[in-house]
Amino acid sequence: MADTETKTINSVEIDVEKANRMLKRLIVKETANIKTKRYNDGEMAKQIKKIIEEEVVCY
């Protein structure tokens, strides 16, 4: 994993690739939810948390 690009922001090391991947997924999910109103705020927060957990654990 030495090939990954990282940035340090406020003393926190961030994997740029993971951050970009999460942002894309979150934006797509939020956009779809705005159009369909499928999830309320609480459910959407759970969906966002799930995406973050998947990214941290799986990759």
N, C-alpha and C. Protein backbone atom coordinates (compact mmCIF):
# COMPACT_ATOMS: atom_id res chain seq x y z
N MET A 1 0.81 -1.20 0.00
CA MET A 1 0.00 0.00 0.00
C MET A 1 0.84 1.26 0.00
N ALA A 2 2.10 1.12 -0.26
CA ALA A 2 2.98 2.28 -0.28
C ALA A 2 2.73 3.14 -1.51
N ASP A 3 1.98 2.62 -2.49
CA ASP A 3 1.73 3.35 -3.73
C ASP A 3 0.62 4.39 -3.60
N THR A 4 -0.11 4.39 -2.49
CA THR A 4 -1.24 5.29 -2.35
C THR A 4 -0.77 6.68 -1.97
N GLU A 5 -1.46 7.67 -2.51
CA GLU A 5 -1.15 9.06 -2.21
C GLU A 5 -1.88 9.46 -0.94
N THR A 6 -1.16 10.07 -0.02
CA THR A 6 -1.78 10.53 1.22
C THR A 6 -1.47 12.00 1.41
N LYS A 7 -2.38 12.66 2.09
CA LYS A 7 -2.21 14.06 2.48
C LYS A 7 -2.41 14.16 3.97
N THR A 8 -1.70 15.07 4.60
CA THR A 8 -1.88 15.30 6.02
C THR A 8 -2.60 16.63 6.20
N ILE A 9 -3.77 16.55 6.83
CA ILE A 9 -4.58 17.74 7.09
C ILE A 9 -4.91 17.74 8.56
N ASN A 10 -4.55 18.83 9.24
CA ASN A 10 -4.78 18.94 10.69
C ASN A 10 -4.24 17.72 11.44
N SER A 11 -3.05 17.31 11.09
CA SER A 11 -2.37 16.17 11.72
C SER A 11 -3.07 14.84 11.50
N VAL A 12 -3.95 14.76 10.50
CA VAL A 12 -4.65 13.52 10.17
C VAL A 12 -4.21 13.11 8.77
N GLU A 13 -3.73 11.87 8.64
CA GLU A 13 -3.30 11.38 7.35
C GLU A 13 -4.51 10.84 6.58
N ILE A 14 -4.71 11.32 5.35
CA ILE A 14 -5.87 10.96 4.55
C ILE A 14 -5.41 10.32 3.25
N ASP A 15 -5.99 9.16 2.95
CA ASP A 15 -5.74 8.48 1.68
C ASP A 15 -6.64 9.15 0.64
N VAL A 16 -6.03 9.83 -0.29
CA VAL A 16 -6.76 10.63 -1.28
C VAL A 16 -7.67 9.76 -2.14
N GLU A 17 -7.21 8.60 -2.54
CA GLU A 17 -8.01 7.71 -3.38
C GLU A 17 -9.28 7.26 -2.66
N LYS A 18 -9.15 6.85 -1.41
CA LYS A 18 -10.31 6.42 -0.63
C LYS A 18 -11.28 7.58 -0.43
N ALA A 19 -10.74 8.76 -0.13
CA ALA A 19 -11.59 9.92 0.10
C ALA A 19 -12.38 10.27 -1.16
N ASN A 20 -11.73 10.26 -2.30
CA ASN A 20 -12.42 10.56 -3.56
C ASN A 20 -13.48 9.52 -3.89
N ARG A 21 -13.16 8.25 -3.64
CA ARG A 21 -14.11 7.18 -3.91
C ARG A 21 -15.36 7.33 -3.02
N MET A 22 -15.14 7.65 -1.75
CA MET A 22 -16.27 7.84 -0.83
C MET A 22 -17.10 9.05 -1.25
N LEU A 23 -16.45 10.14 -1.60
CA LEU A 23 -17.19 11.34 -2.01
C LEU A 23 -18.07 11.08 -3.22
N LYS A 24 -17.54 10.37 -4.19
CA LYS A 24 -18.34 10.06 -5.38
C LYS A 24 -19.56 9.23 -5.02
N ARG A 25 -19.37 8.20 -4.19
CA ARG A 25 -20.50 7.36 -3.78
C ARG A 25 -21.53 8.16 -2.99
N LEU A 26 -21.05 9.02 -2.10
CA LEU A 26 -21.97 9.81 -1.28
C LEU A 26 -22.76 10.80 -2.13
N ILE A 27 -22.10 11.45 -3.06
CA ILE A 27 -22.78 12.42 -3.92
C ILE A 27 -23.84 11.74 -4.77
N VAL A 28 -23.52 10.58 -5.32
CA VAL A 28 -24.49 9.84 -6.14
C VAL A 28 -25.69 9.43 -5.29
N LYS A 29 -25.43 8.91 -4.09
CA LYS A 29 -26.52 8.46 -3.22
C LYS A 29 -27.39 9.64 -2.79
N GLU A 30 -26.77 10.76 -2.42
CA GLU A 30 -27.53 11.94 -2.01
C GLU A 30 -28.36 12.48 -3.17
N THR A 31 -27.79 12.54 -4.35
CA THR A 31 -28.51 13.04 -5.51
C THR A 31 -29.73 12.17 -5.81
N ALA A 32 -29.52 10.87 -5.78
CA ALA A 32 -30.63 9.95 -6.02
C ALA A 32 -31.70 10.11 -4.94
N ASN A 33 -31.28 10.29 -3.70
CA ASN A 33 -32.25 10.43 -2.61
C ASN A 33 -33.03 11.74 -2.71
N ILE A 34 -32.38 12.79 -3.15
CA ILE A 34 -33.08 14.07 -3.32
C ILE A 34 -34.19 13.92 -4.36
N LYS A 35 -33.92 13.17 -5.42
CA LYS A 35 -34.91 12.99 -6.48
C LYS A 35 -36.04 12.07 -6.06
N THR A 36 -35.72 11.00 -5.32
CA THR A 36 -36.72 9.99 -5.01
C THR A 36 -37.35 10.14 -3.63
N LYS A 37 -36.68 10.82 -2.73
CA LYS A 37 -37.13 10.97 -1.33
C LYS A 37 -37.32 9.60 -0.67
N ARG A 38 -36.47 8.64 -1.05
CA ARG A 38 -36.59 7.28 -0.54
C ARG A 38 -36.24 7.18 0.95
N TYR A 39 -35.19 7.90 1.36
CA TYR A 39 -34.72 7.84 2.74
C TYR A 39 -34.98 9.16 3.46
N ASN A 40 -35.39 9.09 4.72
CA ASN A 40 -35.49 10.32 5.51
C ASN A 40 -34.10 10.65 6.05
N ASP A 41 -33.98 11.71 6.81
CA ASP A 41 -32.66 12.16 7.27
C ASP A 41 -31.94 11.11 8.10
N GLY A 42 -32.65 10.45 9.00
CA GLY A 42 -32.04 9.43 9.84
C GLY A 42 -31.55 8.23 9.05
N GLU A 43 -32.37 7.79 8.11
CA GLU A 43 -31.98 6.66 7.27
C GLU A 43 -30.80 7.02 6.36
N MET A 44 -30.79 8.26 5.87
CA MET A 44 -29.70 8.70 5.01
C MET A 44 -28.40 8.76 5.81
N ALA A 45 -28.47 9.19 7.05
CA ALA A 45 -27.28 9.22 7.90
C ALA A 45 -26.73 7.80 8.09
N LYS A 46 -27.62 6.83 8.24
CA LYS A 46 -27.20 5.43 8.37
C LYS A 46 -26.52 4.96 7.09
N GLN A 47 -27.07 5.35 5.93
CA GLN A 47 -26.49 4.96 4.64
C GLN A 47 -25.08 5.55 4.50
N ILE A 48 -24.93 6.81 4.89
CA ILE A 48 -23.62 7.47 4.81
C ILE A 48 -22.62 6.78 5.74
N LYS A 49 -23.06 6.47 6.94
CA LYS A 49 -22.20 5.78 7.90
C LYS A 49 -21.77 4.43 7.34
N LYS A 50 -22.68 3.73 6.71
CA LYS A 50 -22.39 2.42 6.12
C LYS A 50 -21.33 2.54 5.03
N ILE A 51 -21.44 3.55 4.18
CA ILE A 51 -20.46 3.76 3.12
C ILE A 51 -19.08 4.02 3.71
N ILE A 52 -19.02 4.84 4.74
CA ILE A 52 -17.74 5.15 5.38
C ILE A 52 -17.15 3.90 6.01
N GLU A 53 -17.96 3.13 6.72
CA GLU A 53 -17.46 1.91 7.36
C GLU A 53 -16.95 0.91 6.31
N GLU A 54 -17.68 0.77 5.21
CA GLU A 54 -17.24 -0.15 4.16
C GLU A 54 -15.87 0.26 3.61
N GLU A 55 -15.70 1.53 3.40
CA GLU A 55 -14.45 2.04 2.83
C GLU A 55 -13.29 1.81 3.80
N VAL A 56 -13.52 2.03 5.06
CA VAL A 56 -12.45 1.88 6.05
C VAL A 56 -12.11 0.41 6.26
N VAL A 57 -13.10 -0.45 6.34
CA VAL A 57 -12.88 -1.86 6.64
C VAL A 57 -12.41 -2.64 5.40
N CYS A 58 -13.05 -2.43 4.27
CA CYS A 58 -12.83 -3.27 3.10
C CYS A 58 -11.56 -2.95 2.33
N TYR A 59 -11.11 -1.72 2.37
CA TYR A 59 -10.00 -1.36 1.50
C TYR A 59 -8.75 -1.13 2.26
